[in-house]
């Protein structure tokens, strides 16, 4: 399995990155499969630098905040009005209400909304798409939100989504060789509860749950990425790095 960072800026696109988007690729059933993990604002344009966006097999959205899903609007336009003709429906997984939310986002009638182009599915039990197995886990955020454990061809990684420290995050991180975790808050600030992680929180869960490698992501443009790295390193002595557009992780 290959994971490519398309966008990793937290809360909104930054000067050097779109908002959240990760391209997952794996071989299965005699072909290559491609899945997008998040499609936040600014990410669709950047995705063209890596693949033909019309070759994507499915999309995973962790929660319904715009920096994680808003470029589904542009993706709907691309798939619906492409000069190659309207493209086949692809599955889009997300929290309850994702189909209606996307209709509202583009000012479409709820029926059909974007359902002629996207097969909206709501997270419940683990599911499979080609070689990928996805386990959604509820995490602690002001809206319905999910962390994800994603496996393909014997490899697994964890993705925190947006969350505060919680039992769900522990489940996502448990024993994974790679954890991609948001570090939106700083220890030195008076942070509100039940929203985000600090770099120290990321390092602590990585140490406690036996993570092999930690990648810090979703750092807002107003914060220092290096400070998040220092915080995490104070809790976790394994490999740590900052997500950056174009970074590739092979599992």
Protein backbone atom coordinates (compact mmCIF):
# COMPACT_ATOMS: atom_id res chain seq x y z
CA UNK A 1 0.00 0.00 0.00
CA UNK A 2 1.20 3.47 -0.88
CA UNK A 3 0.03 6.64 0.88
CA UNK A 4 0.70 10.00 -0.79
CA UNK A 5 0.06 13.26 1.04
CA UNK A 6 -1.88 15.56 -1.28
CA UNK A 7 -2.86 18.09 1.37
CA UNK A 8 -2.16 18.36 5.10
CA UNK A 9 -3.01 21.89 6.24
CA UNK A 10 -5.32 22.12 9.25
CA UNK A 11 -8.63 23.98 9.28
CA UNK A 12 -8.11 25.66 5.89
CA UNK A 13 -5.58 25.59 3.01
CA UNK A 14 -2.22 27.04 3.98
CA UNK A 15 0.48 28.84 2.01
CA UNK A 16 2.27 25.57 1.25
CA UNK A 17 -0.52 22.97 1.27
CA UNK A 18 -4.17 22.33 0.54
CA UNK A 19 -6.40 21.09 3.33
CA UNK A 20 -6.58 17.39 4.17
CA UNK A 21 -6.29 14.79 1.41
CA UNK A 22 -4.36 11.52 1.18
CA UNK A 23 -4.14 9.27 -1.86
CA UNK A 24 -4.15 5.53 -1.05
CA UNK A 25 -3.01 3.05 -3.70
CA UNK A 26 -2.79 -0.74 -3.63
CA UNK A 27 -2.81 -3.66 -6.03
CA UNK A 28 -5.70 -6.09 -6.09
CA UNK A 29 -7.77 -8.18 -8.46
CA UNK A 30 -5.24 -7.69 -11.23
CA UNK A 31 -5.21 -3.88 -11.20
CA UNK A 32 -4.29 -0.80 -9.21
CA UNK A 33 -6.91 0.66 -6.84
CA UNK A 34 -7.02 4.29 -5.73
CA UNK A 35 -8.94 5.71 -2.79
CA UNK A 36 -9.00 9.28 -1.49
CA UNK A 37 -8.90 9.76 2.26
CA UNK A 38 -10.52 13.20 2.68
CA UNK A 39 -10.97 15.81 -0.05
CA UNK A 40 -10.62 19.13 1.73
CA UNK A 41 -10.63 22.58 0.20
CA UNK A 42 -7.87 23.10 -2.34
CA UNK A 43 -7.04 19.40 -2.62
CA UNK A 44 -8.71 18.55 -5.94
CA UNK A 45 -6.49 20.86 -7.95
CA UNK A 46 -3.35 19.49 -6.31
CA UNK A 47 -4.53 15.92 -6.92
CA UNK A 48 -3.95 16.45 -10.65
CA UNK A 49 -0.21 16.53 -9.90
CA UNK A 50 -0.33 12.88 -8.83
CA UNK A 51 -3.04 11.04 -10.77
CA UNK A 52 -5.91 11.50 -13.19
CA UNK A 53 -8.70 12.28 -10.68
CA UNK A 54 -11.18 10.31 -12.78
CA UNK A 55 -9.32 7.08 -11.93
CA UNK A 56 -10.33 7.17 -8.24
CA UNK A 57 -12.33 4.16 -6.99
CA UNK A 58 -13.80 5.68 -3.82
CA UNK A 59 -13.59 8.45 -1.22
CA UNK A 60 -13.45 8.29 2.59
CA UNK A 61 -14.51 11.37 4.58
CA UNK A 62 -13.77 11.35 8.31
CA UNK A 63 -16.25 14.08 9.28
CA UNK A 64 -18.29 16.91 7.86
CA UNK A 65 -16.09 19.94 8.37
CA UNK A 66 -15.20 21.72 5.10
CA UNK A 67 -11.45 21.22 5.36
CA UNK A 68 -12.14 17.49 5.00
CA UNK A 69 -14.86 17.31 2.35
CA UNK A 70 -15.48 20.60 0.52
CA UNK A 71 -13.66 19.70 -2.71
CA UNK A 72 -16.22 16.96 -3.27
CA UNK A 73 -18.17 19.86 -4.80
CA UNK A 74 -15.57 20.38 -7.50
CA UNK A 75 -15.15 16.62 -7.87
CA UNK A 76 -18.88 16.32 -8.52
CA UNK A 77 -18.56 18.88 -11.34
CA UNK A 78 -15.56 17.05 -12.80
CA UNK A 79 -17.26 13.65 -12.77
CA UNK A 80 -20.64 14.94 -13.95
CA UNK A 81 -19.54 17.30 -16.73
CA UNK A 82 -16.24 15.80 -17.89
CA UNK A 83 -15.66 16.07 -21.67
CA UNK A 84 -15.22 12.30 -21.52
CA UNK A 85 -18.85 12.03 -20.46
CA UNK A 86 -20.49 11.55 -17.10
CA UNK A 87 -18.40 9.12 -15.09
CA UNK A 88 -19.65 5.97 -13.30
CA UNK A 89 -20.84 6.38 -9.72
CA UNK A 90 -18.21 5.75 -7.08
CA UNK A 91 -18.75 5.06 -3.37
CA UNK A 92 -18.25 7.91 -0.90
CA UNK A 93 -18.25 6.92 2.78
CA UNK A 94 -18.78 9.36 5.61
CA UNK A 95 -20.77 10.16 8.74
CA UNK A 96 -24.57 10.10 8.79
CA UNK A 97 -26.07 12.76 6.53
CA UNK A 98 -23.18 13.05 4.10
CA UNK A 99 -25.40 12.76 1.02
CA UNK A 100 -27.73 15.57 2.09
CA UNK A 101 -24.79 17.72 3.22
CA UNK A 102 -23.24 17.58 -0.24
CA UNK A 103 -26.53 18.56 -1.86
CA UNK A 104 -26.75 21.58 0.45
CA UNK A 105 -23.09 22.45 -0.21
CA UNK A 106 -23.75 22.83 -3.95
CA UNK A 107 -27.32 24.17 -3.60
CA UNK A 108 -28.82 21.09 -5.25
CA UNK A 109 -32.23 19.58 -4.54
CA UNK A 110 -31.90 16.78 -1.99
CA UNK A 111 -33.27 14.35 -4.56
CA UNK A 112 -31.09 13.45 -6.33
CA UNK A 113 -28.43 15.82 -5.00
CA UNK A 114 -25.09 14.32 -6.03
CA UNK A 115 -26.41 10.76 -5.81
CA UNK A 116 -26.26 10.24 -9.58
CA UNK A 117 -22.48 10.59 -9.33
CA UNK A 118 -21.66 9.41 -5.79
CA UNK A 119 -22.96 6.34 -4.01
CA UNK A 120 -23.10 7.81 -0.50
CA UNK A 121 -22.63 5.30 2.32
CA UNK A 122 -22.59 5.94 6.06
CA UNK A 123 -20.03 4.41 8.41
CA UNK A 124 -21.15 1.42 10.43
CA UNK A 125 -19.15 -1.81 10.38
CA UNK A 126 -15.77 -2.47 8.72
CA UNK A 127 -16.03 -2.73 4.94
CA UNK A 128 -13.92 -3.54 1.89
CA UNK A 129 -13.21 -1.80 -1.39
CA UNK A 130 -10.96 -3.82 -3.68
CA UNK A 131 -7.84 -4.66 -1.65
CA UNK A 132 -8.65 -2.11 1.07
CA UNK A 133 -10.29 -2.98 4.37
CA UNK A 134 -11.52 0.03 6.34
CA UNK A 135 -12.46 0.00 10.01
CA UNK A 136 -14.22 3.22 11.07
CA UNK A 137 -13.91 4.12 14.77
CA UNK A 138 -15.87 6.93 16.43
CA UNK A 139 -13.64 9.61 17.95
CA UNK A 140 -14.12 12.75 20.08
CA UNK A 141 -14.93 15.89 18.06
CA UNK A 142 -17.79 18.42 18.13
CA UNK A 143 -19.50 16.68 15.20
CA UNK A 144 -19.85 13.00 14.34
CA UNK A 145 -16.27 12.03 13.45
CA UNK A 146 -14.29 8.89 12.74
CA UNK A 147 -10.72 7.74 12.89
CA UNK A 148 -9.87 4.97 10.46
CA UNK A 149 -7.74 1.82 10.48
CA UNK A 150 -7.00 0.97 6.86
CA UNK A 151 -5.40 -2.24 5.63
CA UNK A 152 -4.34 -3.60 2.26
CA UNK A 153 -2.22 -6.58 1.28
CA UNK A 154 -1.14 -7.28 4.85
CA UNK A 155 -0.24 -3.68 5.77
CA UNK A 156 -2.21 -1.42 8.13
CA UNK A 157 -2.04 2.23 9.13
CA UNK A 158 -4.06 4.43 11.45
CA UNK A 159 -5.55 7.83 10.69
CA UNK A 160 -6.81 9.92 13.58
CA UNK A 161 -9.15 12.21 11.68
CA UNK A 162 -9.93 15.17 13.93
CA UNK A 163 -10.22 14.17 17.57
CA UNK A 164 -9.32 14.84 21.16
CA UNK A 165 -7.63 12.05 23.16
CA UNK A 166 -10.15 9.23 23.53
CA UNK A 167 -10.57 5.46 23.58
CA UNK A 168 -11.41 5.50 19.86
CA UNK A 169 -8.06 7.07 19.05
CA UNK A 170 -6.35 4.34 21.06
CA UNK A 171 -8.13 1.72 18.95
CA UNK A 172 -7.05 3.43 15.74
CA UNK A 173 -3.41 3.62 16.88
CA UNK A 174 -3.09 0.19 18.50
CA UNK A 175 0.07 -1.44 17.18
CA UNK A 176 0.07 0.19 13.73
CA UNK A 177 3.40 0.63 11.92
CA UNK A 178 2.26 4.10 10.80
CA UNK A 179 -0.04 6.58 12.54
CA UNK A 180 -1.06 9.79 10.75
CA UNK A 181 -2.34 12.03 13.53
CA UNK A 182 -3.59 15.58 13.66
CA UNK A 183 -1.73 18.05 15.87
CA UNK A 184 -3.94 21.13 15.75
CA UNK A 185 -3.37 22.41 19.30
CA UNK A 186 -0.30 23.41 21.33
CA UNK A 187 0.40 22.40 24.91
CA UNK A 188 1.16 25.99 25.93
CA UNK A 189 -2.35 27.21 25.06
CA UNK A 190 -5.58 27.02 27.05
CA UNK A 191 -7.23 24.53 24.72
CA UNK A 192 -10.95 23.73 24.84
CA UNK A 193 -11.74 20.05 25.49
CA UNK A 194 -13.14 17.47 23.07
CA UNK A 195 -11.83 19.00 19.83
CA UNK A 196 -8.19 18.37 18.82
CA UNK A 197 -4.81 16.87 19.75
CA UNK A 198 -1.55 18.57 20.66
CA UNK A 199 1.76 17.27 19.39
CA UNK A 200 2.33 15.90 22.89
CA UNK A 201 -1.00 14.04 22.75
CA UNK A 202 0.07 12.46 19.47
CA UNK A 203 3.42 11.38 20.90
CA UNK A 204 1.82 10.00 24.05
CA UNK A 205 -0.69 7.82 22.20
CA UNK A 206 2.02 6.64 19.79
CA UNK A 207 4.24 5.56 22.70
CA UNK A 208 1.47 3.97 24.72
CA UNK A 209 -0.12 2.08 21.83
CA UNK A 210 3.12 0.78 20.29
CA UNK A 211 3.08 2.78 17.05
CA UNK A 212 6.04 2.25 14.74
CA UNK A 213 6.17 5.65 13.03
CA UNK A 214 4.29 8.90 13.71
CA UNK A 215 3.40 11.51 11.10
CA UNK A 216 1.96 14.80 12.36
CA UNK A 217 -0.61 16.45 10.14
CA UNK A 218 -3.48 18.98 10.09
CA UNK A 219 -1.39 21.72 11.73
CA UNK A 220 -3.12 25.08 11.13
CA UNK A 221 -1.15 27.77 9.28
CA UNK A 222 -1.14 29.99 12.36
CA UNK A 223 0.97 27.49 14.36
CA UNK A 224 4.60 26.40 14.13
CA UNK A 225 4.97 22.91 12.70
CA UNK A 226 8.36 22.58 14.37
CA UNK A 227 6.81 23.21 17.78
CA UNK A 228 4.37 20.33 17.23
CA UNK A 229 7.33 18.12 16.32
CA UNK A 230 9.20 19.06 19.51
CA UNK A 231 6.11 18.37 21.62
CA UNK A 232 5.64 14.92 20.09
CA UNK A 233 9.32 14.05 20.48
CA UNK A 234 9.05 14.75 24.19
CA UNK A 235 6.61 11.83 24.50
CA UNK A 236 7.68 9.39 21.77
CA UNK A 237 11.20 8.29 20.93
CA UNK A 238 10.31 6.53 17.68
CA UNK A 239 10.47 8.06 14.19
CA UNK A 240 8.41 11.26 13.89
CA UNK A 241 7.99 13.58 10.95
CA UNK A 242 5.77 16.35 9.67
CA UNK A 243 3.37 15.61 6.83
CA UNK A 244 4.14 17.55 3.66
CA UNK A 245 2.54 17.55 0.22
CA UNK A 246 4.15 14.93 -2.01
CA UNK A 247 5.45 12.77 0.83
CA UNK A 248 4.99 9.05 0.12
CA UNK A 249 4.75 6.23 2.67
CA UNK A 250 5.09 2.63 1.50
CA UNK A 251 3.73 -0.12 3.71
